Each structure stands twice: as structure tokens, then as C-alpha cells.
């Protein structure tokens, strides 16, 4: 759990992902298209990825990926992020975290 929290606080936006996950790819594209440069942490490319995945599940992220953190705070997975994007809340969160300037 400590490692997840440490990584999640390294940048304004952190996405825990798996390279083979199509929803992870969609969420990463969403942030790139918003002009955000998130830190992408690919769990399937890390030897401790399984432990980190279990930690994400304990945090309430179900499924474990994609798991999005903004400003060091767990926001949610794909459904939550897409809802925030559609209702306009995501952009404000990104601005407040310093991930967007405009």
C-alpha cells in the first residue's frame, strides 16, 4: 500500500495501468487529449505489480486498473473518470492539481 501511495503522489496525475488493458488505453488517451501528461505506471511491467494491484483493490478500485490518482488522491477507475469528464468536473480537478494551466 505504501508503494502505491508513494507513486501516486509523484505527479499531478498518475494512472496505474496494464499494457494489455483496452480501458487503460482509453483513459490514457483521454488525459493526453486534455493536454495532461500523466505518470503511467504499468503494473504488468513491474516485478511488484501484483502486490500493487492487490493494494489498489484494497483502496476500492475495482477493477484494479485503470486506477487514476489526481493530486495524490484516488479518483477512481474508468467509469468514474468518464463520468467526471462528461459532467465537466474532471477539468476543474486537473486545474486544481496543477495538471492543466488553461
N, C-alpha and C. Protein backbone atom coordinates (compact mmCIF):
# COMPACT_ATOMS: atom_id res chain seq x y z
N UNK A 1 0.83 -1.20 0.00
CA UNK A 1 0.00 0.00 0.00
C UNK A 1 0.87 1.25 0.00
N UNK A 2 1.95 1.23 0.78
CA UNK A 2 2.83 2.39 0.85
C UNK A 2 3.42 2.75 -0.50
N UNK A 3 3.76 1.73 -1.27
CA UNK A 3 4.36 1.98 -2.59
C UNK A 3 3.35 2.64 -3.53
N UNK A 4 2.10 2.21 -3.47
CA UNK A 4 1.05 2.82 -4.30
C UNK A 4 0.90 4.29 -3.93
N UNK A 5 0.82 4.58 -2.65
CA UNK A 5 0.66 5.96 -2.19
C UNK A 5 1.86 6.81 -2.60
N UNK A 6 3.05 6.25 -2.49
CA UNK A 6 4.27 6.98 -2.87
C UNK A 6 4.27 7.31 -4.36
N UNK A 7 3.97 6.32 -5.20
CA UNK A 7 3.94 6.55 -6.65
C UNK A 7 2.82 7.53 -7.01
N UNK A 8 1.67 7.39 -6.36
CA UNK A 8 0.51 8.24 -6.67
C UNK A 8 0.77 9.71 -6.38
N UNK A 9 1.71 10.01 -5.52
CA UNK A 9 1.99 11.40 -5.17
C UNK A 9 3.18 11.98 -5.95
N UNK A 10 3.72 11.25 -6.90
CA UNK A 10 4.90 11.71 -7.64
C UNK A 10 4.60 12.76 -8.70
N UNK A 11 3.36 12.82 -9.16
CA UNK A 11 3.00 13.76 -10.23
C UNK A 11 1.54 14.14 -10.05
N UNK A 12 1.11 15.21 -10.69
CA UNK A 12 -0.28 15.69 -10.55
C UNK A 12 -1.29 14.63 -10.96
N UNK A 13 -0.99 13.85 -12.00
CA UNK A 13 -1.88 12.78 -12.44
C UNK A 13 -1.05 11.50 -12.59
N UNK A 14 -1.52 10.45 -11.92
CA UNK A 14 -0.86 9.14 -12.01
C UNK A 14 -1.93 8.12 -12.38
N UNK A 15 -1.59 7.31 -13.37
CA UNK A 15 -2.50 6.25 -13.81
C UNK A 15 -1.79 4.91 -13.66
N UNK A 16 -2.38 4.04 -12.85
CA UNK A 16 -1.90 2.67 -12.76
C UNK A 16 -2.63 1.89 -13.84
N UNK A 17 -1.86 1.15 -14.62
CA UNK A 17 -2.39 0.57 -15.85
C UNK A 17 -1.78 -0.80 -16.08
N UNK A 18 -2.28 -1.48 -17.08
CA UNK A 18 -1.66 -2.69 -17.63
C UNK A 18 -1.57 -2.46 -19.13
N UNK A 19 -0.44 -2.81 -19.70
CA UNK A 19 -0.21 -2.51 -21.12
C UNK A 19 -1.19 -3.20 -22.05
N UNK A 20 -1.81 -4.29 -21.62
CA UNK A 20 -2.75 -5.03 -22.47
C UNK A 20 -4.21 -4.66 -22.23
N UNK A 21 -4.47 -3.69 -21.36
CA UNK A 21 -5.84 -3.33 -20.98
C UNK A 21 -6.40 -2.24 -21.91
N UNK A 22 -7.50 -2.56 -22.60
CA UNK A 22 -8.07 -1.59 -23.54
C UNK A 22 -8.68 -0.38 -22.83
N UNK A 23 -9.29 -0.56 -21.66
CA UNK A 23 -9.85 0.58 -20.92
C UNK A 23 -8.73 1.49 -20.40
N UNK A 24 -7.61 0.89 -20.02
CA UNK A 24 -6.45 1.68 -19.60
C UNK A 24 -5.98 2.57 -20.75
N UNK A 25 -5.93 1.98 -21.94
CA UNK A 25 -5.53 2.74 -23.12
C UNK A 25 -6.49 3.91 -23.37
N UNK A 26 -7.78 3.66 -23.23
CA UNK A 26 -8.78 4.71 -23.46
C UNK A 26 -8.62 5.84 -22.44
N UNK A 27 -8.38 5.51 -21.19
CA UNK A 27 -8.23 6.53 -20.15
C UNK A 27 -6.95 7.33 -20.37
N UNK A 28 -5.86 6.65 -20.75
CA UNK A 28 -4.61 7.37 -21.03
C UNK A 28 -4.82 8.35 -22.19
N UNK A 29 -5.52 7.92 -23.25
CA UNK A 29 -5.80 8.80 -24.39
C UNK A 29 -6.62 10.00 -23.96
N UNK A 30 -7.60 9.78 -23.10
CA UNK A 30 -8.44 10.88 -22.61
C UNK A 30 -7.57 11.96 -21.97
N UNK A 31 -6.65 11.56 -21.11
CA UNK A 31 -5.79 12.55 -20.45
C UNK A 31 -4.85 13.22 -21.43
N UNK A 32 -4.26 12.46 -22.35
CA UNK A 32 -3.38 13.06 -23.35
C UNK A 32 -4.14 14.08 -24.20
N UNK A 33 -5.37 13.76 -24.56
CA UNK A 33 -6.17 14.67 -25.38
C UNK A 33 -6.58 15.92 -24.62
N UNK A 34 -6.59 15.87 -23.31
CA UNK A 34 -6.87 17.05 -22.48
C UNK A 34 -5.63 17.93 -22.32
N UNK A 35 -4.49 17.45 -22.81
CA UNK A 35 -3.24 18.20 -22.67
C UNK A 35 -2.50 17.87 -21.39
N UNK A 36 -2.88 16.76 -20.75
CA UNK A 36 -2.25 16.34 -19.50
C UNK A 36 -1.20 15.29 -19.82
N UNK A 37 -0.08 15.36 -19.11
CA UNK A 37 0.99 14.40 -19.26
C UNK A 37 1.09 13.57 -17.98
N UNK A 38 0.29 12.52 -17.86
CA UNK A 38 0.27 11.75 -16.61
C UNK A 38 1.49 10.84 -16.47
N UNK A 39 1.78 10.48 -15.25
CA UNK A 39 2.75 9.42 -14.98
C UNK A 39 1.98 8.12 -15.15
N UNK A 40 2.45 7.27 -16.05
CA UNK A 40 1.80 5.98 -16.31
C UNK A 40 2.64 4.91 -15.64
N UNK A 41 2.00 4.13 -14.79
CA UNK A 41 2.69 3.06 -14.10
C UNK A 41 2.08 1.74 -14.56
N UNK A 42 2.81 1.01 -15.39
CA UNK A 42 2.33 -0.25 -15.96
C UNK A 42 2.61 -1.40 -14.98
N UNK A 43 1.57 -1.89 -14.34
CA UNK A 43 1.73 -2.92 -13.33
C UNK A 43 2.29 -4.23 -13.89
N UNK A 44 1.96 -4.55 -15.14
CA UNK A 44 2.44 -5.80 -15.73
C UNK A 44 3.90 -5.73 -16.16
N UNK A 45 4.52 -4.58 -16.01
CA UNK A 45 5.93 -4.42 -16.36
C UNK A 45 6.80 -4.23 -15.12
N UNK A 46 6.22 -4.41 -13.94
CA UNK A 46 6.94 -4.23 -12.68
C UNK A 46 6.91 -5.54 -11.90
N UNK A 47 8.04 -5.91 -11.33
CA UNK A 47 8.09 -7.17 -10.59
C UNK A 47 7.21 -7.16 -9.34
N UNK A 48 6.88 -5.98 -8.82
CA UNK A 48 5.99 -5.86 -7.67
C UNK A 48 4.56 -5.49 -8.08
N UNK A 49 4.27 -5.61 -9.36
CA UNK A 49 2.98 -5.21 -9.89
C UNK A 49 1.80 -5.93 -9.27
N UNK A 50 1.95 -7.22 -8.98
CA UNK A 50 0.86 -7.98 -8.37
C UNK A 50 0.50 -7.45 -6.99
N UNK A 51 1.53 -7.15 -6.20
CA UNK A 51 1.30 -6.59 -4.86
C UNK A 51 0.62 -5.24 -4.96
N UNK A 52 1.07 -4.42 -5.91
CA UNK A 52 0.47 -3.10 -6.09
C UNK A 52 -0.98 -3.23 -6.55
N UNK A 53 -1.25 -4.22 -7.39
CA UNK A 53 -2.62 -4.45 -7.85
C UNK A 53 -3.53 -4.82 -6.67
N UNK A 54 -3.05 -5.66 -5.78
CA UNK A 54 -3.83 -6.01 -4.58
C UNK A 54 -4.06 -4.78 -3.71
N UNK A 55 -3.06 -3.92 -3.61
CA UNK A 55 -3.22 -2.68 -2.83
C UNK A 55 -4.29 -1.78 -3.44
N UNK A 56 -4.31 -1.69 -4.76
CA UNK A 56 -5.33 -0.88 -5.43
C UNK A 56 -6.73 -1.44 -5.17
N UNK A 57 -6.85 -2.75 -5.16
CA UNK A 57 -8.14 -3.36 -4.86
C UNK A 57 -8.58 -3.03 -3.43
N UNK A 58 -7.62 -3.05 -2.49
CA UNK A 58 -7.94 -2.70 -1.10
C UNK A 58 -8.35 -1.23 -0.97
N UNK A 59 -7.83 -0.38 -1.85
CA UNK A 59 -8.21 1.04 -1.83
C UNK A 59 -9.63 1.25 -2.38
N UNK A 60 -10.17 0.23 -3.00
CA UNK A 60 -11.52 0.34 -3.53
C UNK A 60 -11.60 0.43 -5.04
N UNK A 61 -10.49 0.27 -5.71
CA UNK A 61 -10.50 0.33 -7.17
C UNK A 61 -10.85 -1.05 -7.71
N UNK A 62 -12.03 -1.15 -8.27
CA UNK A 62 -12.48 -2.43 -8.80
C UNK A 62 -13.09 -2.21 -10.17
N UNK A 63 -12.49 -2.71 -11.23
CA UNK A 63 -11.26 -3.49 -11.28
C UNK A 63 -10.05 -2.66 -10.90
N UNK A 64 -8.93 -3.35 -10.68
CA UNK A 64 -7.73 -2.67 -10.18
C UNK A 64 -7.15 -1.65 -11.15
N UNK A 65 -7.34 -1.88 -12.44
CA UNK A 65 -6.83 -0.94 -13.44
C UNK A 65 -7.93 -0.61 -14.44
N UNK A 66 -7.94 0.57 -14.99
CA UNK A 66 -7.07 1.69 -14.66
C UNK A 66 -7.46 2.32 -13.32
N UNK A 67 -6.45 2.71 -12.58
CA UNK A 67 -6.66 3.42 -11.32
C UNK A 67 -6.05 4.80 -11.47
N UNK A 68 -6.87 5.83 -11.32
CA UNK A 68 -6.45 7.20 -11.57
C UNK A 68 -6.35 7.97 -10.26
N UNK A 69 -5.21 8.62 -10.08
CA UNK A 69 -4.97 9.49 -8.94
C UNK A 69 -4.74 10.90 -9.47
N UNK A 70 -5.40 11.87 -8.90
CA UNK A 70 -5.21 13.27 -9.27
C UNK A 70 -4.87 14.03 -8.00
N UNK A 71 -3.74 14.73 -8.04
CA UNK A 71 -3.31 15.46 -6.85
C UNK A 71 -3.02 14.53 -5.68
N UNK A 72 -2.57 13.31 -5.96
CA UNK A 72 -2.25 12.34 -4.92
C UNK A 72 -3.46 11.66 -4.31
N UNK A 73 -4.65 11.98 -4.80
CA UNK A 73 -5.89 11.42 -4.24
C UNK A 73 -6.51 10.45 -5.25
N UNK A 74 -6.93 9.31 -4.74
CA UNK A 74 -7.57 8.31 -5.60
C UNK A 74 -8.91 8.85 -6.10
N UNK A 75 -9.06 8.88 -7.42
CA UNK A 75 -10.28 9.39 -8.06
C UNK A 75 -11.20 8.23 -8.42
N UNK A 76 -10.65 7.19 -9.00
CA UNK A 76 -11.47 6.05 -9.40
C UNK A 76 -10.91 5.37 -10.63
N UNK A 77 -11.74 4.51 -11.20
CA UNK A 77 -11.34 3.80 -12.40
C UNK A 77 -12.05 4.40 -13.61
N UNK A 78 -12.13 3.65 -14.68
CA UNK A 78 -12.61 4.19 -15.95
C UNK A 78 -14.01 4.79 -15.86
N UNK A 79 -14.95 4.11 -15.22
CA UNK A 79 -16.33 4.63 -15.14
C UNK A 79 -16.38 5.98 -14.43
N UNK A 80 -15.69 6.09 -13.33
CA UNK A 80 -15.69 7.35 -12.56
C UNK A 80 -15.04 8.47 -13.35
N UNK A 81 -13.91 8.17 -13.96
CA UNK A 81 -13.19 9.20 -14.73
C UNK A 81 -14.02 9.67 -15.91
N UNK A 82 -14.67 8.75 -16.61
CA UNK A 82 -15.50 9.14 -17.75
C UNK A 82 -16.70 9.97 -17.30
N UNK A 83 -17.30 9.61 -16.17
CA UNK A 83 -18.41 10.40 -15.62
C UNK A 83 -17.95 11.81 -15.29
N UNK A 84 -16.79 11.93 -14.65
CA UNK A 84 -16.25 13.26 -14.31
C UNK A 84 -15.96 14.07 -15.57
N UNK A 85 -15.48 13.41 -16.60
CA UNK A 85 -15.19 14.09 -17.86
C UNK A 85 -16.48 14.60 -18.50
N UNK A 86 -17.49 13.75 -18.54
CA UNK A 86 -18.76 14.12 -19.19
C UNK A 86 -19.46 15.25 -18.45
N UNK A 87 -19.42 15.23 -17.11
CA UNK A 87 -20.13 16.28 -16.37
C UNK A 87 -19.28 17.54 -16.16
N UNK A 88 -18.04 17.55 -16.67
CA UNK A 88 -17.20 18.74 -16.62
C UNK A 88 -16.35 18.88 -15.37
N UNK A 89 -16.46 17.98 -14.43
CA UNK A 89 -15.70 18.07 -13.18
C UNK A 89 -14.23 17.73 -13.34
N UNK A 90 -13.91 16.88 -14.30
CA UNK A 90 -12.53 16.43 -14.46
C UNK A 90 -11.58 17.58 -14.74
N UNK A 91 -11.98 18.47 -15.63
CA UNK A 91 -11.11 19.60 -16.00
C UNK A 91 -10.78 20.47 -14.78
N UNK A 92 -11.75 20.72 -13.92
CA UNK A 92 -11.51 21.51 -12.71
C UNK A 92 -10.55 20.78 -11.77
N UNK A 93 -10.74 19.48 -11.61
CA UNK A 93 -9.84 18.69 -10.78
C UNK A 93 -8.40 18.77 -11.30
N UNK A 94 -8.26 18.69 -12.62
CA UNK A 94 -6.94 18.76 -13.23
C UNK A 94 -6.29 20.12 -13.03
N UNK A 95 -7.09 21.17 -13.15
CA UNK A 95 -6.58 22.53 -12.91
C UNK A 95 -6.17 22.71 -11.46
N UNK A 96 -7.01 22.25 -10.54
CA UNK A 96 -6.71 22.38 -9.11
C UNK A 96 -5.44 21.62 -8.72
N UNK A 97 -5.17 20.51 -9.40
CA UNK A 97 -3.98 19.70 -9.10
C UNK A 97 -2.74 20.23 -9.79
N UNK A 98 -2.90 21.21 -10.70
CA UNK A 98 -1.76 21.75 -11.42
C UNK A 98 -1.38 20.97 -12.66
N UNK A 99 -2.28 20.11 -13.12
CA UNK A 99 -2.01 19.33 -14.32
C UNK A 99 -2.38 20.09 -15.60
N UNK A 100 -3.25 21.08 -15.46
CA UNK A 100 -3.68 21.95 -16.57
C UNK A 100 -3.51 23.40 -16.14
N UNK A 101 -3.13 24.24 -17.08
CA UNK A 101 -2.98 25.67 -16.75
C UNK A 101 -4.04 26.53 -17.38
N UNK A 102 -4.70 26.05 -18.41
CA UNK A 102 -5.70 26.86 -19.12
C UNK A 102 -7.09 26.49 -18.72
